[in-house]
Amino acid sequence: MAEHAASNALLPSVALDREQQNRRLVRWWLYLVILVLFALFVVGGATRLTGSGLSITEWKPIHGVIPPLNEAEWMEEFAKYQEIPQYKQLNQGMTLSEFKTIFWWEWAHRLLARSVGVLVALPLAFFWLTGRLERHLKPKLVGLLALGGLQGFIGWWMVASGLAERTHVSQYRLATHLLMACLIFTATVLIARGLANHSVGPAREGTRRFAGWLVVLVLIQIGLGALVAGLHAGMTFTTWPLMDGKIWPDQLLLMDPWWINFFENVKTVQFTHRMGAYVVFVAALWHALATWRAEPGTPHARRAVVLFAMVTLQAVLGIFTLVTAASLHPAITHHAFAIIVLGFAAAHWRATKGSYPSETRVLRA
């Protein structure tokens, strides 16, 4: 009887160790997914900035993995591109060599997107079938996979907007595509950090709430940046801190109805993005000061300070991108660091809430 009781006493510890091991495996898998998603963001940003996004005029989810393999296939792809407005109005006379450059950017972007789907689907099936997933994780991870599939449709929906009448994709669809990608990225970070063992317990309610709102503000600011990119608004009014010679420029509400200016008026869209940057900066500063005052010296306070430093650096990168008229390297750096800020903000928010509760049940003798 004593041996039986001792054996039962060990079972909870064994089960807890197994749960922690499984969480560690799932967490590192999700970290790999996050890394590939980040690469996808960077390549996607470069694709947009180099004007490469319309170079592949068809959506072939399976067959599209194989690029042109000979001169005849390259000429066939080039001929399809020559039929769309972007070539006829902007790139008339482009050589085949120049076309290959923009083609490879878009092909790489699509290949990475397909790779993320495989990287999520296959390990998910393995972890599920081998019993390594906790119950609460299953709907979350299936949701990520479903959002990834939806994102593929949104990506093609975006590209299709630039194939018939426009020389560029719709800024509305570009913003939708980028924000969906950000939501997938944020959700992946939140799940991964929920599986981690944090060194301290949850933060105070006020800290947790404000950290969550900071994530929302960063997402909104990225959405505003997508509208700037879609309208090429970063190539105009390239001075700072003044815009068109003023702190508050004129003619922000020229279009009718007035609200359309925030989506289609180049000056208004850029101005809104500038104001959004100031809001995020002030909010991050307030959060850092308030957290340090309420919970001095804690990891929560230190992360809040680091987040403010990252927001400040991103603001500097944004100003540099603006004054260089959104030249390639500053713009890519600004784009990439926005995702890093978003990821850190999401990780910080999850850490203020602590780890996911354990599902291991204490066994009784």
Protein backbone atom coordinates (compact mmCIF):
# COMPACT_ATOMS: atom_id res chain seq x y z
CA MET A 1 0.00 0.00 0.00
CA ALA A 2 2.85 2.40 0.84
CA GLU A 3 4.53 1.68 -2.49
CA HIS A 4 1.24 2.33 -4.33
CA ALA A 5 0.82 5.69 -2.57
CA ALA A 6 4.40 6.68 -3.37
CA SER A 7 3.87 5.75 -7.01
CA ASN A 8 0.72 7.87 -7.24
CA ALA A 9 2.53 10.78 -5.60
CA LEU A 10 5.09 10.74 -8.40
CA LEU A 11 2.52 10.69 -11.21
CA PRO A 12 1.57 14.40 -10.99
CA SER A 13 5.25 15.36 -11.18
CA VAL A 14 5.83 13.13 -14.21
CA ALA A 15 2.74 14.52 -15.94
CA LEU A 16 3.82 18.10 -15.20
CA ASP A 17 7.31 17.43 -16.57
CA ARG A 18 5.78 15.96 -19.72
CA GLU A 19 3.51 18.98 -20.12
CA GLN A 20 6.48 21.36 -19.76
CA GLN A 21 8.49 19.37 -22.28
CA ASN A 22 5.62 19.43 -24.77
CA ARG A 23 5.15 23.17 -24.22
CA ARG A 24 8.82 23.73 -24.89
CA LEU A 25 8.67 21.79 -28.16
CA VAL A 26 5.54 23.62 -29.35
CA ARG A 27 7.00 26.97 -28.30
CA TRP A 28 10.22 26.50 -30.27
CA TRP A 29 8.21 25.38 -33.29
CA LEU A 30 6.18 28.59 -33.05
CA TYR A 31 9.38 30.63 -32.71
CA LEU A 32 10.52 29.14 -36.02
CA VAL A 33 7.16 30.07 -37.56
CA ILE A 34 7.61 33.62 -36.25
CA LEU A 35 11.07 33.83 -37.82
CA VAL A 36 9.75 32.73 -41.23
CA LEU A 37 6.80 35.11 -40.91
CA PHE A 38 9.26 37.93 -40.26
CA ALA A 39 11.22 36.97 -43.39
CA LEU A 40 7.93 36.96 -45.29
CA PHE A 41 7.21 40.50 -44.04
CA VAL A 42 10.62 41.75 -45.16
CA VAL A 43 10.42 40.16 -48.59
CA GLY A 44 6.85 41.40 -48.95
CA GLY A 45 7.99 44.93 -48.13
CA ALA A 46 10.80 44.71 -50.66
CA THR A 47 8.35 43.36 -53.25
CA ARG A 48 6.13 46.38 -52.76
CA LEU A 49 8.96 48.91 -52.71
CA THR A 50 10.55 47.54 -55.89
CA GLY A 51 7.20 47.52 -57.70
CA SER A 52 7.37 43.76 -58.12
CA GLY A 53 4.00 42.70 -56.77
CA LEU A 54 2.22 42.57 -60.14
CA SER A 55 4.94 40.71 -62.02
CA ILE A 56 3.12 37.37 -61.65
CA THR A 57 -0.33 37.87 -63.12
CA GLU A 58 -1.85 34.50 -62.25
CA TRP A 59 -2.59 32.72 -58.99
CA LYS A 60 -1.45 29.10 -59.08
CA PRO A 61 -1.25 27.83 -55.49
CA ILE A 62 0.39 24.51 -56.47
CA HIS A 63 1.88 24.89 -59.94
CA GLY A 64 3.13 28.37 -59.13
CA VAL A 65 5.90 26.90 -56.97
CA ILE A 66 7.84 26.10 -60.16
CA PRO A 67 9.36 29.23 -61.77
CA PRO A 68 10.08 29.53 -65.51
CA LEU A 69 12.75 26.97 -66.43
CA ASN A 70 13.72 28.04 -69.94
CA GLU A 71 13.71 31.04 -72.25
CA ALA A 72 10.34 30.18 -73.78
CA GLU A 73 8.66 30.05 -70.36
CA TRP A 74 10.27 33.33 -69.36
CA MET A 75 8.96 35.00 -72.52
CA GLU A 76 5.49 33.61 -71.80
CA GLU A 77 5.49 35.13 -68.30
CA PHE A 78 6.86 38.41 -69.64
CA ALA A 79 4.14 38.55 -72.30
CA LYS A 80 1.45 38.21 -69.63
CA TYR A 81 3.00 41.07 -67.66
CA GLN A 82 3.10 43.25 -70.79
CA GLU A 83 -0.69 43.08 -70.97
CA ILE A 84 -1.36 44.86 -67.68
CA PRO A 85 -1.53 48.64 -67.12
CA GLN A 86 1.60 48.77 -64.94
CA TYR A 87 3.78 47.71 -67.86
CA LYS A 88 1.95 49.79 -70.46
CA GLN A 89 1.94 53.00 -68.41
CA LEU A 90 5.02 52.75 -66.20
CA ASN A 91 7.43 50.12 -67.48
CA GLN A 92 7.09 50.31 -71.26
CA GLY A 93 10.32 49.10 -72.82
CA MET A 94 11.40 47.00 -69.83
CA THR A 95 13.91 44.33 -70.80
CA LEU A 96 13.52 40.64 -70.02
CA SER A 97 16.41 40.90 -67.57
CA GLU A 98 14.67 43.71 -65.69
CA PHE A 99 11.45 41.71 -65.64
CA LYS A 100 13.27 38.74 -64.11
CA THR A 101 14.40 40.95 -61.23
CA ILE A 102 10.87 41.94 -60.22
CA PHE A 103 9.56 38.44 -60.95
CA TRP A 104 11.99 36.83 -58.46
CA TRP A 105 10.91 39.18 -55.68
CA GLU A 106 7.25 38.25 -56.09
CA TRP A 107 8.05 34.56 -56.58
CA ALA A 108 10.13 34.53 -53.39
CA HIS A 109 7.31 36.23 -51.50
CA ARG A 110 4.79 33.64 -52.66
CA LEU A 111 7.19 30.76 -51.98
CA LEU A 112 7.75 31.94 -48.41
CA ALA A 113 3.97 32.22 -47.92
CA ARG A 114 3.53 28.63 -49.10
CA SER A 115 6.39 27.54 -46.85
CA VAL A 116 4.69 29.03 -43.80
CA GLY A 117 1.59 27.00 -44.58
CA VAL A 118 3.61 23.77 -44.67
CA LEU A 119 5.59 24.79 -41.59
CA VAL A 120 2.36 25.22 -39.63
CA ALA A 121 0.30 22.33 -41.02
CA LEU A 122 2.75 19.42 -40.77
CA PRO A 123 4.07 19.99 -37.22
CA LEU A 124 0.53 20.80 -36.07
CA ALA A 125 -0.62 17.41 -37.32
CA PHE A 126 2.36 15.72 -35.65
CA PHE A 127 1.84 17.40 -32.26
CA TRP A 128 -1.89 16.73 -32.40
CA LEU A 129 -1.64 13.05 -33.36
CA THR A 130 1.07 12.34 -30.77
CA GLY A 131 -0.95 13.91 -27.95
CA ARG A 132 1.43 16.80 -27.33
CA LEU A 133 -1.17 19.57 -27.58
CA GLU A 134 -3.22 20.79 -24.65
CA ARG A 135 -6.93 21.16 -25.29
CA HIS A 136 -6.92 24.96 -25.24
CA LEU A 137 -4.13 25.08 -27.85
CA LYS A 138 -5.95 23.10 -30.52
CA PRO A 139 -8.54 25.74 -31.56
CA LYS A 140 -5.89 28.47 -31.38
CA LEU A 141 -3.50 26.65 -33.70
CA VAL A 142 -6.20 25.51 -36.10
CA GLY A 143 -7.35 29.14 -36.18
CA LEU A 144 -3.83 30.24 -37.16
CA LEU A 145 -3.79 27.72 -40.00
CA ALA A 146 -7.22 28.87 -41.21
CA LEU A 147 -6.16 32.54 -41.10
CA GLY A 148 -3.10 31.63 -43.14
CA GLY A 149 -5.29 30.08 -45.82
CA LEU A 150 -7.55 33.15 -45.82
CA GLN A 151 -4.46 35.34 -46.14
CA GLY A 152 -3.56 33.54 -49.37
CA PHE A 153 -6.92 34.52 -50.86
CA ILE A 154 -6.53 38.09 -49.60
CA GLY A 155 -3.09 38.29 -51.20
CA TRP A 156 -4.45 37.32 -54.60
CA TRP A 157 -7.46 39.64 -54.11
CA MET A 158 -4.96 42.44 -53.53
CA VAL A 159 -2.87 41.59 -56.62
CA ALA A 160 -5.98 41.32 -58.79
CA SER A 161 -6.82 44.96 -58.04
CA GLY A 162 -3.77 46.06 -60.05
CA LEU A 163 -4.19 43.88 -63.14
CA ALA A 164 -7.02 45.57 -65.04
CA GLU A 165 -7.30 49.35 -64.58
CA ARG A 166 -4.72 50.42 -62.00
CA THR A 167 -0.94 50.56 -62.20
CA HIS A 168 -0.66 49.61 -58.52
CA VAL A 169 -2.74 47.57 -56.10
CA SER A 170 -5.56 49.17 -54.15
CA GLN A 171 -4.40 50.79 -50.92
CA TYR A 172 -7.48 49.34 -49.21
CA ARG A 173 -6.56 45.80 -50.19
CA LEU A 174 -2.90 46.37 -49.38
CA ALA A 175 -3.85 47.52 -45.88
CA THR A 176 -6.17 44.52 -45.46
CA HIS A 177 -3.41 42.14 -46.55
CA LEU A 178 -0.82 43.68 -44.24
CA LEU A 179 -3.13 43.89 -41.24
CA MET A 180 -4.18 40.25 -41.63
CA ALA A 181 -0.51 39.30 -41.75
CA CYS A 182 0.07 41.35 -38.58
CA LEU A 183 -2.83 39.65 -36.82
CA ILE A 184 -1.42 36.22 -37.68
CA PHE A 185 2.03 37.30 -36.50
CA THR A 186 0.66 38.78 -33.27
CA ALA A 187 -1.45 35.71 -32.51
CA THR A 188 1.56 33.43 -33.04
CA VAL A 189 3.69 35.52 -30.67
CA LEU A 190 0.94 35.52 -28.04
CA ILE A 191 0.55 31.75 -28.16
CA ALA A 192 4.29 31.14 -28.04
CA ARG A 193 4.82 33.46 -25.09
CA GLY A 194 1.81 31.99 -23.30
CA LEU A 195 3.66 28.66 -23.32
CA ALA A 196 6.80 30.14 -21.75
CA ASN A 197 7.75 30.02 -18.07
CA HIS A 198 7.93 33.64 -16.95
CA SER A 199 10.23 34.64 -14.11
CA VAL A 200 7.55 36.61 -12.26
CA GLY A 201 3.79 36.46 -11.94
CA PRO A 202 1.25 38.59 -13.80
CA ALA A 203 1.52 42.36 -13.65
CA ARG A 204 -1.08 44.66 -12.14
CA GLU A 205 -4.36 44.99 -13.97
CA GLY A 206 -3.62 48.53 -15.14
CA THR A 207 -0.28 47.46 -16.59
CA ARG A 208 -1.85 44.51 -18.39
CA ARG A 209 -4.64 46.61 -19.84
CA PHE A 210 -2.34 49.38 -21.10
CA ALA A 211 0.08 46.85 -22.60
CA GLY A 212 -2.83 45.39 -24.57
CA TRP A 213 -3.88 48.79 -25.85
CA LEU A 214 -0.33 49.46 -26.98
CA VAL A 215 -0.53 46.40 -29.23
CA VAL A 216 -3.75 47.80 -30.70
CA LEU A 217 -2.13 51.20 -31.29
CA VAL A 218 0.86 49.64 -33.04
CA LEU A 219 -1.47 47.62 -35.27
CA ILE A 220 -3.43 50.76 -36.18
CA GLN A 221 -0.22 52.63 -36.95
CA ILE A 222 0.96 49.82 -39.23
CA GLY A 223 -2.42 49.95 -40.99
CA LEU A 224 -1.97 53.69 -41.52
CA GLY A 225 1.49 52.99 -42.88
CA ALA A 226 -0.01 50.54 -45.37
CA LEU A 227 -2.29 53.31 -46.67
CA VAL A 228 0.76 55.58 -47.01
CA ALA A 229 2.55 52.86 -48.97
CA GLY A 230 -0.45 52.12 -51.17
CA LEU A 231 -0.80 55.78 -52.16
CA HIS A 232 2.98 56.36 -52.36
CA ALA A 233 2.33 59.16 -49.89
CA GLY A 234 5.80 58.85 -48.38
CA MET A 235 7.31 60.33 -51.54
CA THR A 236 5.61 63.69 -51.05
CA PHE A 237 5.90 66.33 -48.30
CA THR A 238 9.32 64.98 -47.32
CA THR A 239 10.15 67.43 -44.53
CA TRP A 240 9.97 67.06 -40.77
CA PRO A 241 8.76 68.30 -38.30
CA LEU A 242 6.88 70.65 -40.63
CA MET A 243 4.65 69.27 -43.36
CA ASP A 244 4.11 71.48 -46.39
CA GLY A 245 5.73 74.25 -44.34
CA LYS A 246 3.29 73.96 -41.44
CA ILE A 247 2.71 71.95 -38.28
CA TRP A 248 -0.95 71.57 -39.27
CA PRO A 249 -1.07 71.72 -43.07
CA ASP A 250 -3.95 73.10 -45.14
CA GLN A 251 -6.24 71.18 -47.50
CA LEU A 252 -6.55 68.05 -45.40
CA LEU A 253 -10.29 67.71 -46.09
CA LEU A 254 -10.58 68.66 -49.76
CA MET A 255 -12.40 65.52 -50.88
CA ASP A 256 -16.11 64.89 -50.41
CA PRO A 257 -17.31 63.18 -48.30
CA TRP A 258 -14.82 64.38 -45.72
CA TRP A 259 -13.97 60.96 -44.32
CA ILE A 260 -12.66 59.71 -47.67
CA ASN A 261 -9.66 62.02 -47.21
CA PHE A 262 -8.29 59.66 -44.54
CA PHE A 263 -8.05 56.89 -47.13
CA GLU A 264 -7.50 58.59 -50.50
CA ASN A 265 -6.05 62.08 -49.94
CA VAL A 266 -2.25 61.70 -50.07
CA LYS A 267 -1.63 64.66 -47.76
CA THR A 268 -4.23 63.58 -45.20
CA VAL A 269 -3.06 59.97 -45.17
CA GLN A 270 0.55 60.98 -44.54
CA PHE A 271 -0.50 63.50 -41.88
CA THR A 272 -2.60 60.88 -40.09
CA HIS A 273 0.32 58.47 -40.11
CA ARG A 274 2.54 61.17 -38.59
CA MET A 275 -0.02 61.89 -35.88
CA GLY A 276 -0.36 58.18 -35.21
CA ALA A 277 3.39 57.96 -34.62
CA TYR A 278 3.17 60.72 -32.02
CA VAL A 279 0.29 58.94 -30.27
CA VAL A 280 2.21 55.65 -30.10
CA PHE A 281 5.32 57.47 -28.85
CA VAL A 282 3.45 59.24 -26.04
CA ALA A 283 1.53 56.09 -25.09
CA ALA A 284 4.73 54.02 -24.93
CA LEU A 285 6.42 56.70 -22.79
CA TRP A 286 3.44 56.86 -20.43
CA HIS A 287 3.37 53.08 -20.14
CA ALA A 288 7.09 52.91 -19.36
CA LEU A 289 6.85 55.59 -16.65
CA ALA A 290 3.65 54.22 -15.13
CA THR A 291 4.91 50.63 -15.06
CA TRP A 292 8.24 51.61 -13.53
CA ARG A 293 6.42 53.62 -10.88
CA ALA A 294 3.90 50.86 -10.08
CA GLU A 295 6.27 47.88 -10.34
CA PRO A 296 9.84 49.24 -10.14
CA GLY A 297 12.67 46.92 -11.08
CA THR A 298 10.41 44.12 -12.29
CA PRO A 299 10.73 42.43 -15.71
CA HIS A 300 7.42 44.09 -16.62
CA ALA A 301 8.89 47.54 -15.99
CA ARG A 302 12.13 46.72 -17.82
CA ARG A 303 10.24 45.44 -20.87
CA ALA A 304 8.09 48.59 -20.89
CA VAL A 305 11.25 50.71 -21.02
CA VAL A 306 12.70 48.58 -23.82
CA LEU A 307 9.43 48.89 -25.74
CA PHE A 308 9.57 52.68 -25.45
CA ALA A 309 13.17 52.65 -26.70
CA MET A 310 12.10 50.53 -29.68
CA VAL A 311 9.19 52.86 -30.47
CA THR A 312 11.60 55.81 -30.32
CA LEU A 313 14.02 54.12 -32.72
CA GLN A 314 11.14 53.30 -35.06
CA ALA A 315 10.11 56.97 -35.03
CA VAL A 316 13.65 57.95 -36.01
CA LEU A 317 13.61 55.38 -38.81
CA GLY A 318 10.27 56.76 -39.97
CA ILE A 319 11.63 60.31 -40.12
CA PHE A 320 14.70 59.13 -42.05
CA THR A 321 12.47 57.22 -44.47
CA LEU A 322 10.38 60.34 -44.99
CA VAL A 323 13.24 62.77 -45.63
CA THR A 324 14.80 60.32 -48.11
CA ALA A 325 11.46 60.14 -49.99
CA ALA A 326 10.97 56.48 -49.05
CA SER A 327 14.15 55.28 -50.73
CA LEU A 328 14.55 51.52 -50.77
CA HIS A 329 16.85 50.67 -47.86
CA PRO A 330 15.45 53.12 -45.26
CA ALA A 331 11.90 52.13 -46.20
CA ILE A 332 12.60 48.39 -45.90
CA THR A 333 14.30 48.95 -42.55
CA HIS A 334 11.34 51.00 -41.31
CA HIS A 335 8.93 48.32 -42.51
CA ALA A 336 10.88 45.46 -40.92
CA PHE A 337 11.38 47.20 -37.59
CA ALA A 338 7.65 47.94 -37.36
CA ILE A 339 7.08 44.19 -37.23
CA ILE A 340 9.77 43.80 -34.56
CA VAL A 341 8.08 46.49 -32.46
CA LEU A 342 4.72 44.75 -32.91
CA GLY A 343 6.18 41.39 -31.91
CA PHE A 344 7.84 42.80 -28.80
CA ALA A 345 4.67 44.65 -27.81
CA ALA A 346 2.66 41.44 -28.13
CA ALA A 347 5.25 39.42 -26.18
CA HIS A 348 5.27 42.10 -23.46
CA TRP A 349 1.48 42.04 -23.21
CA ARG A 350 1.40 38.25 -22.90
CA ALA A 351 4.14 38.34 -20.24
CA THR A 352 2.14 40.82 -18.15
CA LYS A 353 -0.64 38.21 -18.11
CA GLY A 354 1.65 35.29 -17.28
CA SER A 355 1.80 31.77 -18.71
CA TYR A 356 -1.17 29.69 -19.74
CA PRO A 357 -2.60 27.77 -16.76
CA SER A 358 -1.42 24.17 -16.54
CA GLU A 359 -3.88 21.51 -17.61
CA THR A 360 -2.15 18.81 -15.61
CA ARG A 361 -4.48 17.49 -12.93
CA VAL A 362 -3.16 16.52 -9.56
CA LEU A 363 -3.67 12.77 -9.16
CA ARG A 364 -4.87 11.50 -5.84
CA ALA A 365 -4.00 8.23 -4.31
